C-alpha atoms as a PDB file:
ATOM      1  CA  MET A   1     170.230  86.602 186.908  1.00  0.00           C
ATOM      2  CA  ALA A   2     172.527  87.856 189.506  1.00  0.00           C
ATOM      3  CA  ARG A   3     174.549  91.011 189.165  1.00  0.00           C
ATOM      4  CA  ILE A   4     178.435  91.110 189.707  1.00  0.00           C
ATOM      5  CA  MET A   5     179.738  94.154 192.138  1.00  0.00           C
ATOM      6  CA  THR A   6     181.875  96.010 189.695  1.00  0.00           C
ATOM      7  CA  ARG A   7     185.062  97.824 190.062  1.00  0.00           C
ATOM      8  CA  ARG A   8     183.026 101.377 189.457  1.00  0.00           C
ATOM      9  CA  LYS A   9     180.160 100.126 192.187  1.00  0.00           C
ATOM     10  CA  ALA A  10     182.685  99.130 194.417  1.00  0.00           C
ATOM     11  CA  ILE A  11     183.963 102.459 195.095  1.00  0.00           C
ATOM     12  CA  PRO A  12     180.656 104.232 195.673  1.00  0.00           C
ATOM     13  CA  LYS A  13     179.677 101.428 197.936  1.00  0.00           C
ATOM     14  CA  ALA A  14     182.865 101.973 199.883  1.00  0.00           C
ATOM     15  CA  ILE A  15     182.748 105.692 200.205  1.00  0.00           C
ATOM     16  CA  GLU A  16     178.485 105.196 201.433  1.00  0.00           C
ATOM     17  CA  LEU A  17     180.183 103.020 204.285  1.00  0.00           C
ATOM     18  CA  LEU A  18     182.631 105.217 204.983  1.00  0.00           C
ATOM     19  CA  GLN A  19     180.197 108.150 205.505  1.00  0.00           C
ATOM     20  CA  CYS A  20     178.146 105.953 208.324  1.00  0.00           C
ATOM     21  CA  LEU A  21     181.237 106.335 210.340  1.00  0.00           C
ATOM     22  CA  PRO A  22     182.368 109.617 212.355  1.00  0.00           C
ATOM     23  CA  GLN A  23     184.155 111.927 209.862  1.00  0.00           C
ATOM     24  CA  THR A  24     187.654 111.654 211.610  1.00  0.00           C
ATOM     25  CA  GLU A  25     190.529 112.836 209.615  1.00  0.00           C
ATOM     26  CA  GLU A  26     191.603 109.533 208.882  1.00  0.00           C
ATOM     27  CA  VAL A  27     188.107 108.653 207.224  1.00  0.00           C
ATOM     28  CA  VAL A  28     187.884 111.693 205.450  1.00  0.00           C
ATOM     29  CA  GLU A  29     191.046 111.022 203.924  1.00  0.00           C
ATOM     30  CA  VAL A  30     190.552 108.062 202.704  1.00  0.00           C
ATOM     31  CA  ILE A  31     187.364 108.854 201.007  1.00  0.00           C
ATOM     32  CA  GLN A  32     188.694 111.698 199.190  1.00  0.00           C
ATOM     33  CA  ALA A  33     191.500 109.126 197.702  1.00  0.00           C
ATOM     34  CA  LEU A  34     188.517 106.988 197.036  1.00  0.00           C
ATOM     35  CA  LYS A  35     186.701 109.662 195.221  1.00  0.00           C
ATOM     36  CA  LYS A  36     190.483 110.223 193.353  1.00  0.00           C
ATOM     37  CA  TYR A  37     190.446 107.138 191.899  1.00  0.00           C
ATOM     38  CA  SER A  38     186.896 106.954 191.303  1.00  0.00           C
ATOM     39  CA  SER A  39     187.223 110.059 188.966  1.00  0.00           C
ATOM     40  CA  THR A  40     190.335 108.230 187.301  1.00  0.00           C
ATOM     41  CA  PRO A  41     189.274 106.889 183.854  1.00  0.00           C
ATOM     42  CA  LEU A  42     189.277 103.535 183.301  1.00  0.00           C
ATOM     43  CA  ASP A  43     191.531 103.930 180.057  1.00  0.00           C
ATOM     44  CA  ARG A  44     193.845 101.277 180.832  1.00  0.00           C
ATOM     45  CA  TRP A  45     193.631  97.172 180.527  1.00  0.00           C
ATOM     46  CA  ASP A  46     194.974  94.389 182.904  1.00  0.00           C
ATOM     47  CA  ALA A  47     193.961  90.942 182.228  1.00  0.00           C
ATOM     48  CA  ALA A  48     191.362  90.787 184.672  1.00  0.00           C
ATOM     49  CA  SER A  49     189.776  93.651 183.885  1.00  0.00           C
ATOM     50  CA  VAL A  50     189.629  92.193 180.311  1.00  0.00           C
ATOM     51  CA  TYR A  51     187.795  89.010 181.740  1.00  0.00           C
ATOM     52  CA  GLU A  52     185.734  91.200 183.860  1.00  0.00           C
ATOM     53  CA  ALA A  53     184.089  93.587 181.461  1.00  0.00           C
ATOM     54  CA  LEU A  54     183.564  90.707 179.183  1.00  0.00           C
ATOM     55  CA  ASP A  55     181.554  88.398 181.829  1.00  0.00           C
ATOM     56  CA  GLU A  56     179.648  91.909 182.719  1.00  0.00           C
ATOM     57  CA  TRP A  57     178.444  92.526 179.069  1.00  0.00           C
ATOM     58  CA  THR A  58     177.792  88.921 178.627  1.00  0.00           C
ATOM     59  CA  GLU A  59     175.470  89.002 181.789  1.00  0.00           C
ATOM     60  CA  SER A  60     173.723  92.227 180.603  1.00  0.00           C
ATOM     61  CA  HIS A  61     173.336  91.088 177.673  1.00  0.00           C
ATOM     62  CA  ASN A  62     170.964  87.795 178.082  1.00  0.00           C
ATOM     63  CA  GLY A  63     174.243  85.408 178.038  1.00  0.00           C
ATOM     64  CA  ILE A  64     175.163  86.747 174.552  1.00  0.00           C
ATOM     65  CA  PRO A  65     178.716  87.768 174.353  1.00  0.00           C
ATOM     66  CA  PRO A  66     180.302  90.929 172.989  1.00  0.00           C
ATOM     67  CA  LYS A  67     181.222  91.097 169.047  1.00  0.00           C
ATOM     68  CA  ILE A  68     184.506  92.476 167.639  1.00  0.00           C
ATOM     69  CA  LYS A  69     182.426  95.599 166.646  1.00  0.00           C
ATOM     70  CA  GLU A  70     180.882  96.223 169.822  1.00  0.00           C
ATOM     71  CA  CYS A  71     184.617  95.913 171.877  1.00  0.00           C
ATOM     72  CA  ASP A  72     185.907  98.561 169.037  1.00  0.00           C
ATOM     73  CA  SER A  73     182.554 100.586 169.678  1.00  0.00           C
ATOM     74  CA  HIS A  74     181.756 100.360 173.524  1.00  0.00           C
ATOM     75  CA  LYS A  75     184.114 102.201 176.018  1.00  0.00           C
ATOM     76  CA  GLU A  76     183.135  99.386 178.764  1.00  0.00           C
ATOM     77  CA  LEU A  77     184.920  96.933 176.667  1.00  0.00           C
ATOM     78  CA  PRO A  78     188.288  96.515 175.899  1.00  0.00           C
ATOM     79  CA  SER A  79     189.301  97.096 172.135  1.00  0.00           C
ATOM     80  CA  HIS A  80     190.998  94.764 169.703  1.00  0.00           C
ATOM     81  CA  MET A  81     194.938  96.555 170.638  1.00  0.00           C
ATOM     82  CA  VAL A  82     193.751  95.510 174.301  1.00  0.00           C
ATOM     83  CA  PHE A  83     194.016  92.074 173.219  1.00  0.00           C
ATOM     84  CA  GLU A  84     197.098  92.276 171.084  1.00  0.00           C
ATOM     85  CA  LYS A  85     198.767  94.007 174.015  1.00  0.00           C
ATOM     86  CA  LEU A  86     197.934  91.781 176.894  1.00  0.00           C
ATOM     87  CA  PHE A  87     197.107  88.412 175.138  1.00  0.00           C
ATOM     88  CA  GLY A  88     199.283  88.588 171.847  1.00  0.00           C
ATOM     89  CA  LYS A  89     196.292  87.707 170.001  1.00  0.00           C
ATOM     90  CA  THR A  90     193.485  89.188 167.621  1.00  0.00           C
ATOM     91  CA  ALA A  91     190.359  89.560 169.185  1.00  0.00           C
ATOM     92  CA  ARG A  92     188.474  87.088 167.285  1.00  0.00           C
ATOM     93  CA  GLU A  93     191.289  84.768 168.462  1.00  0.00           C
ATOM     94  CA  PHE A  94     190.762  85.698 172.095  1.00  0.00           C
ATOM     95  CA  LEU A  95     187.275  85.905 172.080  1.00  0.00           C
ATOM     96  CA  ASN A  96     186.813  82.118 170.311  1.00  0.00           C
ATOM     97  CA  ASP A  97     189.115  80.846 172.363  1.00  0.00           C
ATOM     98  CA  TYR A  98     187.346  82.594 175.784  1.00  0.00           C
ATOM     99  CA  TYR A  99     184.121  81.776 174.562  1.00  0.00           C
ATOM    100  CA  GLY A 100     184.819  78.607 171.991  1.00  0.00           C
ATOM    101  CA  GLU A 101     182.581  76.296 169.484  1.00  0.00           C
ATOM    102  CA  MET A 102     180.522  73.724 172.250  1.00  0.00           C
ATOM    103  CA  GLU A 103     180.407  69.987 171.812  1.00  0.00           C
ATOM    104  CA  TYR A 104     177.391  68.776 173.776  1.00  0.00           C
ATOM    105  CA  VAL A 105     176.910  65.214 175.346  1.00  0.00           C
ATOM    106  CA  ARG A 106     174.099  63.688 177.767  1.00  0.00           C
ATOM    107  CA  ILE A 107     174.921  62.582 181.300  1.00  0.00           C
ATOM    108  CA  GLY A 108     172.082  60.740 182.706  1.00  0.00           C
ATOM    109  CA  ARG A 109     169.316  62.219 184.395  1.00  0.00           C
ATOM    110  CA  HIS A 110     170.984  65.405 184.775  1.00  0.00           C
ATOM    111  CA  GLY A 111     170.834  66.214 181.153  1.00  0.00           C
ATOM    112  CA  THR A 112     173.385  68.373 178.437  1.00  0.00           C
ATOM    113  CA  ARG A 113     176.690  68.584 179.812  1.00  0.00           C
ATOM    114  CA  CYS A 114     178.813  71.175 178.512  1.00  0.00           C
ATOM    115  CA  VAL A 115     182.289  70.319 177.137  1.00  0.00           C
ATOM    116  CA  ASP A 116     184.584  73.045 175.562  1.00  0.00           C
ATOM    117  CA  ASP A 117     187.744  71.904 173.315  1.00  0.00           C
ATOM    118  CA  GLN A 118     189.558  74.806 175.409  1.00  0.00           C
ATOM    119  CA  TYR A 119     188.397  73.773 179.115  1.00  0.00           C
ATOM    120  CA  ASP A 120     185.437  71.961 180.470  1.00  0.00           C
ATOM    121  CA  PHE A 121     183.364  74.634 181.730  1.00  0.00           C
ATOM    122  CA  LEU A 122     181.587  72.385 184.256  1.00  0.00           C
ATOM    123  CA  GLU A 123     185.321  71.511 185.940  1.00  0.00           C
ATOM    124  CA  ILE A 124     186.046  75.422 186.477  1.00  0.00           C
ATOM    125  CA  PHE A 125     182.488  75.757 188.170  1.00  0.00           C
ATOM    126  CA  LYS A 126     183.091  72.804 190.165  1.00  0.00           C
ATOM    127  CA  ASN A 127     186.854  73.587 191.511  1.00  0.00           C
ATOM    128  CA  GLU A 128     185.739  77.034 192.151  1.00  0.00           C
ATOM    129  CA  PHE A 129     182.829  75.959 193.686  1.00  0.00           C
ATOM    130  CA  GLU A 130     185.013  73.804 195.874  1.00  0.00           C
ATOM    131  CA  ARG A 131     187.355  76.389 196.654  1.00  0.00           C
ATOM    132  CA  ILE A 132     184.822  79.108 197.286  1.00  0.00           C
ATOM    133  CA  GLN A 133     181.799  77.140 199.275  1.00  0.00           C
ATOM    134  CA  PRO A 134     179.512  79.604 198.082  1.00  0.00           C
ATOM    135  CA  ALA A 135     175.826  79.902 199.745  1.00  0.00           C
ATOM    136  CA  THR A 136     174.962  82.157 196.460  1.00  0.00           C
ATOM    137  CA  SER A 137     175.170  82.987 192.773  1.00  0.00           C
ATOM    138  CA  LYS A 138     176.409  86.286 193.829  1.00  0.00           C
ATOM    139  CA  ILE A 139     179.362  84.781 196.479  1.00  0.00           C
ATOM    140  CA  TYR A 140     180.579  83.057 193.864  1.00  0.00           C
ATOM    141  CA  ASP A 141     180.976  85.343 191.086  1.00  0.00           C
ATOM    142  CA  ALA A 142     182.963  87.961 193.750  1.00  0.00           C
ATOM    143  CA  CYS A 143     185.166  85.184 194.678  1.00  0.00           C
ATOM    144  CA  ARG A 144     185.563  83.359 191.820  1.00  0.00           C
ATOM    145  CA  ASN A 145     189.092  83.707 190.018  1.00  0.00           C
ATOM    146  CA  PRO A 146     189.052  86.694 187.349  1.00  0.00           C
ATOM    147  CA  GLU A 147     190.221  84.130 184.480  1.00  0.00           C
ATOM    148  CA  THR A 148     187.427  82.116 184.796  1.00  0.00           C
ATOM    149  CA  PRO A 149     183.869  82.722 183.657  1.00  0.00           C
ATOM    150  CA  SER A 150     180.975  83.681 185.601  1.00  0.00           C
ATOM    151  CA  TRP A 151     178.207  81.381 186.796  1.00  0.00           C
ATOM    152  CA  GLY A 152     175.915  82.837 184.606  1.00  0.00           C
ATOM    153  CA  THR A 153     178.360  82.614 181.059  1.00  0.00           C
ATOM    154  CA  ILE A 154     179.039  78.650 182.518  1.00  0.00           C
ATOM    155  CA  ALA A 155     175.293  78.231 182.920  1.00  0.00           C
ATOM    156  CA  ARG A 156     173.863  79.312 179.267  1.00  0.00           C
ATOM    157  CA  ARG A 157     177.290  77.137 177.885  1.00  0.00           C
ATOM    158  CA  CYS A 158     175.389  73.881 179.763  1.00  0.00           C
ATOM    159  CA  LYS A 159     171.995  75.075 178.944  1.00  0.00           C
ATOM    160  CA  VAL A 160     170.848  75.773 182.190  1.00  0.00           C
ATOM    161  CA  SER A 161     169.206  78.988 183.172  1.00  0.00           C
ATOM    162  CA  SER A 162     169.412  78.843 187.296  1.00  0.00           C
ATOM    163  CA  TRP A 163     171.940  78.681 189.928  1.00  0.00           C
ATOM    164  CA  SER A 164     170.271  75.641 191.138  1.00  0.00           C
ATOM    165  CA  GLU A 165     170.415  73.739 187.756  1.00  0.00           C
ATOM    166  CA  LEU A 166     174.177  74.547 187.313  1.00  0.00           C
ATOM    167  CA  VAL A 167     174.812  73.247 191.091  1.00  0.00           C
ATOM    168  CA  THR A 168     172.549  69.949 190.290  1.00  0.00           C
ATOM    169  CA  LEU A 169     174.253  69.161 186.964  1.00  0.00           C
ATOM    170  CA  SER A 170     177.846  69.774 188.195  1.00  0.00           C
ATOM    171  CA  GLY A 171     177.234  67.819 191.349  1.00  0.00           C
ATOM    172  CA  VAL A 172     178.695  69.926 193.941  1.00  0.00           C
ATOM    173  CA  GLU A 173     176.465  70.410 197.241  1.00  0.00           C
ATOM    174  CA  ALA A 174     175.082  74.192 198.315  1.00  0.00           C
ATOM    175  CA  ASN A 175     177.226  75.014 201.187  1.00  0.00           C
ATOM    176  CA  CYS A 176     175.318  77.138 203.900  1.00  0.00           C
ATOM    177  CA  ILE A 177     178.351  78.843 204.622  1.00  0.00           C
ATOM    178  CA  ARG A 178     177.349  83.111 203.960  1.00  0.00           C
ATOM    179  CA  ARG A 179     180.430  85.382 203.165  1.00  0.00           C
ATOM    180  CA  ARG A 180     180.476  89.254 203.945  1.00  0.00           C
ATOM    181  CA  TYR A 181     179.850  89.454 200.618  1.00  0.00           C
ATOM    182  CA  ASP A 182     179.755  93.593 200.324  1.00  0.00           C
ATOM    183  CA  THR A 183     182.883  94.117 202.248  1.00  0.00           C
ATOM    184  CA  TYR A 184     184.888  91.261 200.560  1.00  0.00           C
ATOM    185  CA  ASN A 185     183.350  91.905 196.824  1.00  0.00           C
ATOM    186  CA  ILE A 186     184.926  96.021 197.855  1.00  0.00           C
ATOM    187  CA  ARG A 187     188.313  94.715 198.720  1.00  0.00           C
ATOM    188  CA  ASN A 188     188.072  92.048 195.730  1.00  0.00           C
ATOM    189  CA  LYS A 189     187.231  94.116 193.499  1.00  0.00           C
ATOM    190  CA  LEU A 190     189.473  96.803 194.446  1.00  0.00           C
ATOM    191  CA  SER A 191     192.657  95.161 194.682  1.00  0.00           C
ATOM    192  CA  VAL A 192     191.908  94.878 190.845  1.00  0.00           C
ATOM    193  CA  SER A 193     191.421  98.439 190.048  1.00  0.00           C
ATOM    194  CA  GLN A 194     194.578  99.354 189.989  1.00  0.00           C
ATOM    195  CA  LYS A 195     195.466  98.790 186.344  1.00  0.00           C
ATOM    196  CA  THR A 196     198.589  97.870 184.561  1.00  0.00           C
ATOM    197  CA  ASN A 197     199.886 100.868 183.140  1.00  0.00           C
ATOM    198  CA  LEU A 198     200.373  99.894 179.438  1.00  0.00           C
ATOM    199  CA  GLU A 199     199.729 103.428 178.186  1.00  0.00           C
ATOM    200  CA  THR A 200     201.555 105.366 180.875  1.00  0.00           C
ATOM    201  CA  ASP A 201     204.768 107.380 180.803  1.00  0.00           C
ATOM    202  CA  LEU A 202     205.606 106.607 184.699  1.00  0.00           C
ATOM    203  CA  THR A 203     208.781 104.817 185.427  1.00  0.00           C
ATOM    204  CA  VAL A 204     208.866 101.401 187.359  1.00  0.00           C
ATOM    205  CA  HIS A 205     209.591 103.356 190.397  1.00  0.00           C
ATOM    206  CA  GLU A 206     207.006 105.924 190.326  1.00  0.00           C
ATOM    207  CA  GLN A 207     204.987 103.018 189.513  1.00  0.00           C
ATOM    208  CA  GLN A 208     205.680 100.905 192.051  1.00  0.00           C
ATOM    209  CA  GLU A 209     205.501 104.578 194.146  1.00  0.00           C
ATOM    210  CA  GLU A 210     201.766 104.286 193.399  1.00  0.00           C
ATOM    211  CA  LYS A 211     200.975 100.448 193.744  1.00  0.00           C
ATOM    212  CA  GLU A 212     202.292 100.727 197.349  1.00  0.00           C
ATOM    213  CA  ARG A 213     199.926 103.880 197.954  1.00  0.00           C
ATOM    214  CA  PHE A 214     197.242 101.806 196.609  1.00  0.00           C
ATOM    215  CA  GLU A 215     197.919  99.199 198.776  1.00  0.00           C
ATOM    216  CA  ALA A 216     197.506 101.181 201.660  1.00  0.00           C
ATOM    217  CA  LEU A 217     194.485 102.717 200.759  1.00  0.00           C
ATOM    218  CA  LEU A 218     193.431  99.652 200.003  1.00  0.00           C
ATOM    219  CA  ILE A 219     193.827  98.262 203.752  1.00  0.00           C
ATOM    220  CA  LYS A 220     192.498 101.306 205.241  1.00  0.00           C
ATOM    221  CA  THR A 221     189.262 101.010 203.560  1.00  0.00           C
ATOM    222  CA  HIS A 222     188.919  97.283 204.580  1.00  0.00           C
ATOM    223  CA  ASP A 223     189.415  98.062 207.993  1.00  0.00           C
ATOM    224  CA  LEU A 224     186.731 101.228 207.814  1.00  0.00           C
ATOM    225  CA  THR A 225     184.072  99.243 206.128  1.00  0.00           C
ATOM    226  CA  LEU A 226     184.191  96.351 208.317  1.00  0.00           C
ATOM    227  CA  GLN A 227     183.885  99.627 211.272  1.00  0.00           C
ATOM    228  CA  ALA A 228     180.841 100.841 209.104  1.00  0.00           C
ATOM    229  CA  GLU A 229     179.260  97.537 208.940  1.00  0.00           C
ATOM    230  CA  ASN A 230     179.491  96.400 212.685  1.00  0.00           C
ATOM    231  CA  ARG A 231     178.204 100.064 213.319  1.00  0.00           C
ATOM    232  CA  LYS A 232     175.315  99.956 210.906  1.00  0.00           C
ATOM    233  CA  LYS A 233     174.417  96.454 213.112  1.00  0.00           C
ATOM    234  CA  ALA A 234     174.441  97.778 216.071  1.00  0.00           C
ATOM    235  CA  GLU A 235     172.258 100.722 215.264  1.00  0.00           C
ATOM    236  CA  LYS A 236     169.682  98.215 214.135  1.00  0.00           C
ATOM    237  CA  VAL A 237     169.657  96.482 217.250  1.00  0.00           C
ATOM    238  CA  VAL A 238     169.311  99.190 219.149  1.00  0.00           C
ATOM    239  CA  SER A 239     166.402 100.263 216.974  1.00  0.00           C
ATOM    240  CA  LYS A 240     164.474  96.967 217.464  1.00  0.00           C
ATOM    241  CA  HIS A 241     165.217  97.088 220.879  1.00  0.00           C
ATOM    242  CA  THR A 242     163.773 100.666 221.193  1.00  0.00           C
ATOM    243  CA  LEU A 243     160.923  99.805 219.102  1.00  0.00           C
ATOM    244  CA  ARG A 244     160.441  96.734 221.827  1.00  0.00           C
ATOM    245  CA  ILE A 245     160.283  99.266 224.373  1.00  0.00           C
ATOM    246  CA  GLY A 246     157.717 101.399 222.836  1.00  0.00           C
ATOM    247  CA  ARG A 247     155.372  99.253 222.145  1.00  0.00           C
ATOM    248  CA  LYS A 248     155.540  98.017 225.676  1.00  0.00           C
END
C-alpha cells in the first residue's frame, strides 16, 4: 500500500534537496528557516492536519481506524479536545461521521460497491480522480482534498485491496500523466503545516505576520527545490554520458 508523505517527512525532504544546491546565502537562510519549523512541536491542529493524521494512522494500521482511547494516548493523533474545538463534536461523534456505518450493495460484475449514510466514498473518489488525473495511488493521496479520505480508506470501505481494483470498481480510467510528485507534495504538505493557532498568545496581527513569513518561505522553498531537482537530473545525464565515453 502506498505511503503518504507527511509534513514531518516533507520538511526533511525539502532540506535534503536544498543541500544539493550551492550553499548560497539564500539557500542557507531557507534551510535554517525550514529547520526552525521542523523543530516546532506539532501541538496545534487545524482541520487538514486532523484528517491527515487519521488517514496516516489508518494506512499504517492495515486499514483499521483509531479508537477514541488511542486518540487521547498517542501524540500523533488529535485528542478529544481537538475534535470539540475544531468541529464542535465529541471524538466519538466525529469518528463515527468520518468512518461511518457502512451499507453494501451489489453492482454487477464489479462486485461490492460501498455506500455510506453520510457520503458515497466511490463518488468522492471519482470526483477527486477526475480533478487530479493521477497516474499512481501515491499521487492521488498527495493531491487529494485533505478533507476527503485517502484511497486506502476508500478501498477498505469498498472491500478491495489494491489501487487497480479501486480504479476498476469506480469505473474511472487511469491517466498516464505523471506529476512532479516530490516537489508538489513538499509544497502541498508544507502549505498546511502552518497550523491554526488555537492555543497561542499571539495577537491577530502577529499571526498574520507569521503567516506571511511562512508563505514567503514556502515560495522560496518551492523554487529552490525545483532548481535542485533540475540539477540532479543534469548530473545524471552527465554521468551517463561519461560512462558511455568510458566504455568506448
